[in-house]
PDB file of N, CA and C in Angstrom:
ATOM      1  N   MET A   1      -5.155 -81.282  44.832  1.00  0.00           N
ATOM      2  CA  MET A   1      -4.564 -81.734  46.485  1.00  0.00           C
ATOM      3  C   MET A   1      -2.949 -81.116  46.270  1.00  0.00           C
ATOM      4  N   ASP A   2      -3.244 -81.206  48.242  1.00  0.00           N
ATOM      5  CA  ASP A   2      -2.046 -80.382  48.690  1.00  0.00           C
ATOM      6  C   ASP A   2      -1.002 -81.502  49.008  1.00  0.00           C
ATOM      7  N   PRO A   3      -0.003 -80.647  48.275  1.00  0.00           N
ATOM      8  CA  PRO A   3       1.216 -81.740  48.065  1.00  0.00           C
ATOM      9  C   PRO A   3       2.035 -82.243  49.406  1.00  0.00           C
ATOM     10  N   GLU A   4       1.932 -81.472  50.376  1.00  0.00           N
ATOM     11  CA  GLU A   4       2.234 -82.238  51.476  1.00  0.00           C
ATOM     12  C   GLU A   4       2.140 -83.298  51.577  1.00  0.00           C
ATOM     13  N   SER A   5       0.412 -83.313  51.223  1.00  0.00           N
ATOM     14  CA  SER A   5      -0.666 -84.972  51.780  1.00  0.00           C
ATOM     15  C   SER A   5       0.056 -85.569  50.888  1.00  0.00           C
ATOM     16  N   TRP A   6       0.470 -85.583  49.826  1.00  0.00           N
ATOM     17  CA  TRP A   6       0.793 -86.669  48.578  1.00  0.00           C
ATOM     18  C   TRP A   6       1.075 -88.405  49.447  1.00  0.00           C
ATOM     19  N   ASP A   7       2.061 -88.312  50.331  1.00  0.00           N
ATOM     20  CA  ASP A   7       2.541 -89.466  51.033  1.00  0.00           C
ATOM     21  C   ASP A   7       1.827 -89.730  52.160  1.00  0.00           C
ATOM     22  N   TRP A   8       0.470 -89.270  52.338  1.00  0.00           N
ATOM     23  CA  TRP A   8       0.056 -89.675  54.157  1.00  0.00           C
ATOM     24  C   TRP A   8      -1.005 -90.707  53.370  1.00  0.00           C
ATOM     25  N   GLY A   9      -1.033 -91.760  52.281  1.00  0.00           N
ATOM     26  CA  GLY A   9      -1.989 -92.501  51.903  1.00  0.00           C
ATOM     27  C   GLY A   9      -3.331 -92.030  51.344  1.00  0.00           C
ATOM     28  N   GLY A  10      -4.149 -92.935  51.846  1.00  0.00           N
ATOM     29  CA  GLY A  10      -5.622 -92.432  51.832  1.00  0.00           C
ATOM     30  C   GLY A  10      -5.638 -93.229  49.189  1.00  0.00           C
ATOM     31  N   ASP A  11      -6.830 -92.544  49.742  1.00  0.00           N
ATOM     32  CA  ASP A  11      -7.840 -93.003  48.435  1.00  0.00           C
ATOM     33  C   ASP A  11      -7.707 -91.535  46.949  1.00  0.00           C
ATOM     34  N   GLY A  12      -7.480 -90.366  47.497  1.00  0.00           N
ATOM     35  CA  GLY A  12      -7.465 -88.962  46.547  1.00  0.00           C
ATOM     36  C   GLY A  12      -8.426 -88.256  47.429  1.00  0.00           C
ATOM     37  N   SER A  13      -9.132 -88.120  45.863  1.00  0.00           N
ATOM     38  CA  SER A  13     -10.291 -86.910  46.572  1.00  0.00           C
ATOM     39  C   SER A  13     -11.307 -86.921  45.349  1.00  0.00           C
ATOM     40  N   THR A  14     -13.025 -86.579  45.620  1.00  0.00           N
ATOM     41  CA  THR A  14     -13.780 -86.542  44.458  1.00  0.00           C
ATOM     42  C   THR A  14     -14.128 -84.634  44.249  1.00  0.00           C
ATOM     43  N   PHE A  15     -13.795 -84.611  43.813  1.00  0.00           N
ATOM     44  CA  PHE A  15     -14.441 -82.845  43.312  1.00  0.00           C
ATOM     45  C   PHE A  15     -15.324 -82.963  42.328  1.00  0.00           C
ATOM     46  N   GLU A  16     -16.438 -81.860  43.248  1.00  0.00           N
ATOM     47  CA  GLU A  16     -17.418 -82.076  42.248  1.00  0.00           C
ATOM     48  C   GLU A  16     -18.181 -80.899  42.281  1.00  0.00           C
ATOM     49  N   VAL A  17     -19.229 -80.454  41.357  1.00  0.00           N
ATOM     50  CA  VAL A  17     -20.177 -79.117  41.257  1.00  0.00           C
ATOM     51  C   VAL A  17     -21.220 -78.867  40.877  1.00  0.00           C
ATOM     52  N   HIS A  18     -21.892 -78.557  42.257  1.00  0.00           N
ATOM     53  CA  HIS A  18     -24.097 -79.214  42.245  1.00  0.00           C
ATOM     54  C   HIS A  18     -24.276 -77.495  42.080  1.00  0.00           C
ATOM     55  N   LEU A  19     -25.214 -77.697  41.338  1.00  0.00           N
ATOM     56  CA  LEU A  19     -26.213 -75.769  41.375  1.00  0.00           C
ATOM     57  C   LEU A  19     -27.888 -76.432  41.426  1.00  0.00           C
ATOM     58  N   LYS A  20     -28.192 -75.445  42.570  1.00  0.00           N
ATOM     59  CA  LYS A  20     -29.532 -75.676  42.790  1.00  0.00           C
ATOM     60  C   LYS A  20     -30.386 -74.827  42.449  1.00  0.00           C
ATOM     61  N   ASP A  21     -31.163 -74.863  41.610  1.00  0.00           N
ATOM     62  CA  ASP A  21     -32.231 -73.551  40.884  1.00  0.00           C
ATOM     63  C   ASP A  21     -33.866 -74.592  41.593  1.00  0.00           C
ATOM     64  N   GLN A  22     -34.806 -73.995  40.781  1.00  0.00           N
ATOM     65  CA  GLN A  22     -35.813 -74.264  41.415  1.00  0.00           C
ATOM     66  C   GLN A  22     -36.326 -75.515  41.121  1.00  0.00           C
ATOM     67  N   THR A  23     -36.184 -76.034  40.166  1.00  0.00           N
ATOM     68  CA  THR A  23     -36.215 -77.206  40.156  1.00  0.00           C
ATOM     69  C   THR A  23     -35.613 -78.421  41.091  1.00  0.00           C
ATOM     70  N   GLY A  24     -34.554 -78.124  41.508  1.00  0.00           N
ATOM     71  CA  GLY A  24     -34.006 -79.297  42.830  1.00  0.00           C
ATOM     72  C   GLY A  24     -32.302 -79.044  42.504  1.00  0.00           C
ATOM     73  N   GLU A  25     -31.652 -79.999  42.621  1.00  0.00           N
ATOM     74  CA  GLU A  25     -30.574 -79.982  42.967  1.00  0.00           C
ATOM     75  C   GLU A  25     -29.436 -80.671  41.908  1.00  0.00           C
ATOM     76  N   HIS A  26     -28.775 -80.635  40.861  1.00  0.00           N
ATOM     77  CA  HIS A  26     -27.732 -80.923  40.023  1.00  0.00           C
ATOM     78  C   HIS A  26     -26.162 -80.988  39.875  1.00  0.00           C
ATOM     79  N   LEU A  27     -26.305 -82.603  39.891  1.00  0.00           N
ATOM     80  CA  LEU A  27     -24.264 -82.670  39.678  1.00  0.00           C
ATOM     81  C   LEU A  27     -24.405 -81.691  37.719  1.00  0.00           C
ATOM     82  N   LEU A  28     -23.339 -81.640  37.910  1.00  0.00           N
ATOM     83  CA  LEU A  28     -22.454 -80.751  36.898  1.00  0.00           C
ATOM     84  C   LEU A  28     -21.097 -81.364  36.722  1.00  0.00           C
ATOM     85  N   PHE A  29     -20.805 -81.179  37.643  1.00  0.00           N
ATOM     86  CA  PHE A  29     -19.375 -81.771  37.167  1.00  0.00           C
ATOM     87  C   PHE A  29     -18.765 -82.767  38.160  1.00  0.00           C
ATOM     88  N   SER A  30     -18.060 -83.755  38.061  1.00  0.00           N
ATOM     89  CA  SER A  30     -17.393 -84.614  39.118  1.00  0.00           C
ATOM     90  C   SER A  30     -16.285 -85.353  38.282  1.00  0.00           C
ATOM     91  N   GLU A  31     -14.985 -85.177  39.492  1.00  0.00           N
ATOM     92  CA  GLU A  31     -13.672 -85.623  39.194  1.00  0.00           C
ATOM     93  C   GLU A  31     -12.988 -86.709  40.152  1.00  0.00           C
ATOM     94  N   TYR A  32     -12.659 -87.681  39.944  1.00  0.00           N
ATOM     95  CA  TYR A  32     -11.906 -88.158  40.808  1.00  0.00           C
ATOM     96  C   TYR A  32     -10.362 -87.665  40.751  1.00  0.00           C
ATOM     97  N   ILE A  33      -9.586 -87.611  41.577  1.00  0.00           N
ATOM     98  CA  ILE A  33      -8.095 -87.640  41.692  1.00  0.00           C
ATOM     99  C   ILE A  33      -7.404 -88.080  42.713  1.00  0.00           C
ATOM    100  N   ASP A  34      -6.364 -88.703  42.339  1.00  0.00           N
ATOM    101  CA  ASP A  34      -5.949 -90.382  43.493  1.00  0.00           C
ATOM    102  C   ASP A  34      -4.233 -89.547  43.895  1.00  0.00           C
ATOM    103  N   ASN A  35      -3.984 -89.995  44.711  1.00  0.00           N
ATOM    104  CA  ASN A  35      -2.775 -89.258  45.793  1.00  0.00           C
ATOM    105  C   ASN A  35      -2.185 -90.316  44.691  1.00  0.00           C
ATOM    106  N   ASP A  36      -1.938 -91.129  43.979  1.00  0.00           N
ATOM    107  CA  ASP A  36      -1.088 -91.693  43.253  1.00  0.00           C
ATOM    108  C   ASP A  36      -0.047 -90.846  42.540  1.00  0.00           C
ATOM    109  N   GLN A  37       0.794 -90.865  41.891  1.00  0.00           N
ATOM    110  CA  GLN A  37       2.175 -90.302  41.433  1.00  0.00           C
ATOM    111  C   GLN A  37       1.447 -89.833  40.056  1.00  0.00           C
ATOM    112  N   LYS A  38       0.837 -90.323  39.218  1.00  0.00           N
ATOM    113  CA  LYS A  38       0.996 -89.905  38.043  1.00  0.00           C
ATOM    114  C   LYS A  38      -0.267 -88.427  38.120  1.00  0.00           C
ATOM    115  N   ASP A  39      -1.448 -88.448  38.890  1.00  0.00           N
ATOM    116  CA  ASP A  39      -1.832 -87.786  39.398  1.00  0.00           C
ATOM    117  C   ASP A  39      -1.434 -85.898  39.961  1.00  0.00           C
ATOM    118  N   ARG A  40      -0.550 -85.952  40.526  1.00  0.00           N
ATOM    119  CA  ARG A  40       0.140 -85.169  40.657  1.00  0.00           C
ATOM    120  C   ARG A  40      -0.140 -83.785  39.909  1.00  0.00           C
ATOM    121  N   ARG A  41      -0.223 -83.523  39.542  1.00  0.00           N
ATOM    122  CA  ARG A  41      -0.092 -82.096  39.319  1.00  0.00           C
ATOM    123  C   ARG A  41      -1.765 -81.228  39.076  1.00  0.00           C
ATOM    124  N   TRP A  42      -2.003 -79.993  38.787  1.00  0.00           N
ATOM    125  CA  TRP A  42      -2.491 -78.990  38.342  1.00  0.00           C
ATOM    126  C   TRP A  42      -3.999 -78.976  38.022  1.00  0.00           C
ATOM    127  N   ARG A  43      -5.029 -78.689  37.850  1.00  0.00           N
ATOM    128  CA  ARG A  43      -5.992 -78.782  36.990  1.00  0.00           C
ATOM    129  C   ARG A  43      -6.721 -77.688  36.524  1.00  0.00           C
ATOM    130  N   ASP A  44      -6.708 -77.507  35.562  1.00  0.00           N
ATOM    131  CA  ASP A  44      -7.950 -76.551  35.135  1.00  0.00           C
ATOM    132  C   ASP A  44      -9.043 -77.107  34.666  1.00  0.00           C
ATOM    133  N   ARG A  45     -10.563 -76.533  34.728  1.00  0.00           N
ATOM    134  CA  ARG A  45     -11.963 -77.257  34.574  1.00  0.00           C
ATOM    135  C   ARG A  45     -12.909 -76.282  34.351  1.00  0.00           C
ATOM    136  N   GLU A  46     -12.892 -75.959  33.788  1.00  0.00           N
ATOM    137  CA  GLU A  46     -14.263 -75.453  33.158  1.00  0.00           C
ATOM    138  C   GLU A  46     -15.871 -75.950  33.222  1.00  0.00           C
ATOM    139  N   VAL A  47     -16.468 -75.629  33.597  1.00  0.00           N
ATOM    140  CA  VAL A  47     -18.303 -75.735  33.765  1.00  0.00           C
ATOM    141  C   VAL A  47     -19.249 -75.074  33.108  1.00  0.00           C
ATOM    142  N   SER A  48     -20.526 -75.439  32.306  1.00  0.00           N
ATOM    143  CA  SER A  48     -21.201 -74.709  31.052  1.00  0.00           C
ATOM    144  C   SER A  48     -22.342 -74.389  32.159  1.00  0.00           C
ATOM    145  N   LEU A  49     -22.728 -73.069  32.041  1.00  0.00           N
ATOM    146  CA  LEU A  49     -24.171 -72.595  33.201  1.00  0.00           C
ATOM    147  C   LEU A  49     -25.028 -72.793  32.190  1.00  0.00           C
ATOM    148  N   THR A  50     -24.728 -72.243  30.708  1.00  0.00           N
ATOM    149  CA  THR A  50     -25.082 -72.193  30.329  1.00  0.00           C
ATOM    150  C   THR A  50     -26.669 -72.332  30.464  1.00  0.00           C
ATOM    151  N   LEU A  51     -27.532 -73.715  30.082  1.00  0.00           N
ATOM    152  CA  LEU A  51     -28.489 -74.646  30.625  1.00  0.00           C
ATOM    153  C   LEU A  51     -29.323 -73.638  31.772  1.00  0.00           C
ATOM    154  N   TYR A  52     -28.463 -72.943  32.712  1.00  0.00           N
ATOM    155  CA  TYR A  52     -29.685 -72.187  33.684  1.00  0.00           C
ATOM    156  C   TYR A  52     -29.029 -70.851  33.111  1.00  0.00           C
ATOM    157  N   ALA A  53     -29.461 -70.517  32.025  1.00  0.00           N
ATOM    158  CA  ALA A  53     -28.498 -68.575  32.148  1.00  0.00           C
ATOM    159  C   ALA A  53     -30.215 -67.670  32.523  1.00  0.00           C
ATOM    160  N   ASN A  54     -29.647 -66.695  32.730  1.00  0.00           N
ATOM    161  CA  ASN A  54     -31.164 -65.999  33.609  1.00  0.00           C
ATOM    162  C   ASN A  54     -32.246 -66.672  34.364  1.00  0.00           C
ATOM    163  N   ARG A  55     -31.024 -67.373  35.402  1.00  0.00           N
ATOM    164  CA  ARG A  55     -31.888 -68.054  36.038  1.00  0.00           C
ATOM    165  C   ARG A  55     -30.899 -67.499  37.217  1.00  0.00           C
ATOM    166  N   GLU A  56     -31.782 -67.675  39.037  1.00  0.00           N
ATOM    167  CA  GLU A  56     -31.264 -67.600  39.867  1.00  0.00           C
ATOM    168  C   GLU A  56     -31.024 -68.961  40.400  1.00  0.00           C
ATOM    169  N   VAL A  57     -29.852 -69.017  40.682  1.00  0.00           N
ATOM    170  CA  VAL A  57     -29.331 -70.370  41.375  1.00  0.00           C
ATOM    171  C   VAL A  57     -27.860 -70.228  42.354  1.00  0.00           C
ATOM    172  N   GLU A  58     -27.450 -71.550  42.815  1.00  0.00           N
ATOM    173  CA  GLU A  58     -26.968 -71.703  44.212  1.00  0.00           C
ATOM    174  C   GLU A  58     -25.846 -72.818  43.554  1.00  0.00           C
ATOM    175  N   ILE A  59     -24.725 -72.732  43.401  1.00  0.00           N
ATOM    176  CA  ILE A  59     -23.280 -73.370  43.617  1.00  0.00           C
ATOM    177  C   ILE A  59     -22.557 -73.806  44.520  1.00  0.00           C
ATOM    178  N   ALA A  60     -22.412 -74.955  44.229  1.00  0.00           N
ATOM    179  CA  ALA A  60     -21.405 -75.412  45.779  1.00  0.00           C
ATOM    180  C   ALA A  60     -20.322 -76.274  44.519  1.00  0.00           C
ATOM    181  N   PHE A  61     -19.109 -76.119  45.540  1.00  0.00           N
ATOM    182  CA  PHE A  61     -17.987 -76.571  44.959  1.00  0.00           C
ATOM    183  C   PHE A  61     -17.273 -77.522  46.018  1.00  0.00           C
ATOM    184  N   VAL A  62     -17.675 -78.825  45.987  1.00  0.00           N
ATOM    185  CA  VAL A  62     -17.435 -80.046  47.135  1.00  0.00           C
ATOM    186  C   VAL A  62     -16.688 -80.549  46.826  1.00  0.00           C
ATOM    187  N   THR A  63     -15.510 -80.949  47.753  1.00  0.00           N
ATOM    188  CA  THR A  63     -14.794 -82.136  47.718  1.00  0.00           C
ATOM    189  C   THR A  63     -15.130 -83.213  48.407  1.00  0.00           C
ATOM    190  N   ARG A  64     -15.322 -84.347  48.538  1.00  0.00           N
ATOM    191  CA  ARG A  64     -15.594 -85.629  48.955  1.00  0.00           C
ATOM    192  C   ARG A  64     -14.351 -86.843  49.115  1.00  0.00           C
ATOM    193  N   PRO A  65     -14.053 -87.888  49.911  1.00  0.00           N
ATOM    194  CA  PRO A  65     -12.864 -88.623  49.699  1.00  0.00           C
ATOM    195  C   PRO A  65     -12.960 -89.695  48.159  1.00  0.00           C
ATOM    196  N   GLY A  66     -12.540 -90.207  48.477  1.00  0.00           N
ATOM    197  CA  GLY A  66     -12.700 -91.192  46.777  1.00  0.00           C
ATOM    198  C   GLY A  66     -13.121 -92.443  47.187  1.00  0.00           C
ATOM    199  N   PRO A  67     -13.054 -93.064  46.238  1.00  0.00           N
ATOM    200  CA  PRO A  67     -14.369 -94.354  45.956  1.00  0.00           C
ATOM    201  C   PRO A  67     -14.384 -95.775  47.386  1.00  0.00           C
ATOM    202  N   LYS A  68     -12.653 -95.035  47.765  1.00  0.00           N
ATOM    203  CA  LYS A  68     -13.461 -96.363  49.672  1.00  0.00           C
ATOM    204  C   LYS A  68     -13.274 -95.726  50.400  1.00  0.00           C
ATOM    205  N   ASP A  69     -13.912 -94.307  50.449  1.00  0.00           N
ATOM    206  CA  ASP A  69     -14.323 -93.583  51.233  1.00  0.00           C
ATOM    207  C   ASP A  69     -13.296 -93.227  52.122  1.00  0.00           C
ATOM    208  N   ASP A  70     -12.220 -93.275  52.149  1.00  0.00           N
ATOM    209  CA  ASP A  70     -10.497 -93.020  52.939  1.00  0.00           C
ATOM    210  C   ASP A  70     -10.393 -91.704  53.219  1.00  0.00           C
ATOM    211  N   PHE A  71     -11.029 -90.973  54.168  1.00  0.00           N
ATOM    212  CA  PHE A  71     -10.326 -89.397  54.326  1.00  0.00           C
ATOM    213  C   PHE A  71      -8.976 -89.246  54.450  1.00  0.00           C
ATOM    214  N   SER A  72      -8.333 -90.358  55.242  1.00  0.00           N
ATOM    215  CA  SER A  72      -6.260 -90.047  55.773  1.00  0.00           C
ATOM    216  C   SER A  72      -6.134 -89.621  54.044  1.00  0.00           C
ATOM    217  N   GLY A  73      -5.281 -88.803  54.402  1.00  0.00           N
ATOM    218  CA  GLY A  73      -4.535 -88.244  52.987  1.00  0.00           C
ATOM    219  C   GLY A  73      -5.475 -87.091  52.076  1.00  0.00           C
ATOM    220  N   ASP A  74      -6.080 -86.844  52.645  1.00  0.00           N
ATOM    221  CA  ASP A  74      -7.168 -85.738  52.120  1.00  0.00           C
ATOM    222  C   ASP A  74      -7.191 -84.513  52.067  1.00  0.00           C
ATOM    223  N   ARG A  75      -6.138 -83.968  51.854  1.00  0.00           N
ATOM    224  CA  ARG A  75      -6.250 -82.698  52.406  1.00  0.00           C
ATOM    225  C   ARG A  75      -6.480 -82.093  50.508  1.00  0.00           C
ATOM    226  N   ALA A  76      -7.307 -81.594  50.263  1.00  0.00           N
ATOM    227  CA  ALA A  76      -7.590 -81.375  49.198  1.00  0.00           C
ATOM    228  C   ALA A  76      -8.488 -79.951  49.522  1.00  0.00           C
ATOM    229  N   GLY A  77      -8.765 -78.996  48.087  1.00  0.00           N
ATOM    230  CA  GLY A  77      -9.236 -78.475  47.836  1.00  0.00           C
ATOM    231  C   GLY A  77      -9.455 -77.339  46.330  1.00  0.00           C
ATOM    232  N   TRP A  78     -10.301 -76.171  46.621  1.00  0.00           N
ATOM    233  CA  TRP A  78     -10.213 -75.869  44.885  1.00  0.00           C
ATOM    234  C   TRP A  78      -9.587 -74.563  45.042  1.00  0.00           C
ATOM    235  N   GLY A  79      -9.006 -74.714  44.395  1.00  0.00           N
ATOM    236  CA  GLY A  79      -7.467 -73.347  43.925  1.00  0.00           C
ATOM    237  C   GLY A  79      -8.059 -71.519  44.483  1.00  0.00           C
ATOM    238  N   ASP A  80      -9.202 -71.458  42.898  1.00  0.00           N
ATOM    239  CA  ASP A  80      -9.332 -69.907  42.720  1.00  0.00           C
ATOM    240  C   ASP A  80     -11.605 -69.951  41.957  1.00  0.00           C
ATOM    241  N   PRO A  81     -11.992 -70.536  42.442  1.00  0.00           N
ATOM    242  CA  PRO A  81     -13.146 -70.546  41.474  1.00  0.00           C
ATOM    243  C   PRO A  81     -13.585 -69.549  40.805  1.00  0.00           C
ATOM    244  N   GLN A  82     -14.565 -69.368  40.151  1.00  0.00           N
ATOM    245  CA  GLN A  82     -14.673 -68.367  39.861  1.00  0.00           C
ATOM    246  C   GLN A  82     -15.599 -68.191  38.269  1.00  0.00           C
ATOM    247  N   VAL A  83     -16.949 -67.738  38.319  1.00  0.00           N
ATOM    248  CA  VAL A  83     -18.281 -67.774  37.736  1.00  0.00           C
ATOM    249  C   VAL A  83     -18.289 -66.224  36.577  1.00  0.00           C
ATOM    250  N   TRP A  84     -17.654 -66.565  35.467  1.00  0.00           N
ATOM    251  CA  TRP A  84     -18.105 -66.033  34.589  1.00  0.00           C
ATOM    252  C   TRP A  84     -19.899 -65.685  33.478  1.00  0.00           C
ATOM    253  N   LEU A  85     -19.674 -64.431  32.997  1.00  0.00           N
ATOM    254  CA  LEU A  85     -21.218 -63.674  32.913  1.00  0.00           C
ATOM    255  C   LEU A  85     -20.357 -64.123  30.938  1.00  0.00           C
ATOM    256  N   SER A  86     -21.240 -64.697  29.935  1.00  0.00           N
ATOM    257  CA  SER A  86     -21.046 -64.922  28.888  1.00  0.00           C
ATOM    258  C   SER A  86     -20.320 -63.347  28.374  1.00  0.00           C
ATOM    259  N   ASP A  87     -20.666 -62.589  28.545  1.00  0.00           N
ATOM    260  CA  ASP A  87     -20.126 -61.180  27.961  1.00  0.00           C
ATOM    261  C   ASP A  87     -18.644 -61.179  28.408  1.00  0.00           C
ATOM    262  N   GLY A  88     -17.695 -61.992  29.509  1.00  0.00           N
ATOM    263  CA  GLY A  88     -16.101 -62.251  29.629  1.00  0.00           C
ATOM    264  C   GLY A  88     -16.300 -61.580  31.041  1.00  0.00           C
ATOM    265  N   SER A  89     -17.097 -61.089  31.438  1.00  0.00           N
ATOM    266  CA  SER A  89     -16.997 -60.210  32.743  1.00  0.00           C
ATOM    267  C   SER A  89     -17.151 -61.192  34.111  1.00  0.00           C
ATOM    268  N   ALA A  90     -16.645 -60.570  35.306  1.00  0.00           N
ATOM    269  CA  ALA A  90     -16.483 -61.359  36.236  1.00  0.00           C
ATOM    270  C   ALA A  90     -18.386 -61.621  37.368  1.00  0.00           C
ATOM    271  N   CYS A  91     -18.364 -62.598  37.366  1.00  0.00           N
ATOM    272  CA  CYS A  91     -19.807 -62.124  38.123  1.00  0.00           C
ATOM    273  C   CYS A  91     -19.556 -62.440  39.905  1.00  0.00           C
ATOM    274  N   HIS A  92     -20.037 -61.642  40.423  1.00  0.00           N
ATOM    275  CA  HIS A  92     -19.318 -60.999  42.053  1.00  0.00           C
ATOM    276  C   HIS A  92     -20.606 -62.063  42.879  1.00  0.00           C
TER     277      HIS A  92
END
């Protein structure tokens, strides 16, 4: 959440990671972050892709409004998403 937007109101944002493969689309991760004072901090998260190893997939990083579907104050985004291979090297 952009610190400039913390006091703009709204109901926060929901962050999701979706994966699409030959069997369909799968929600791998979902986390709601409120604009409330207690949620005003950075978060690092990891999502395992082990179940999809050796498959061609598409990954989408999605940001949605909070549970009240209120877009006000929703200046939210992903900091630096990265995909890493099991050997520890970055995937490009």
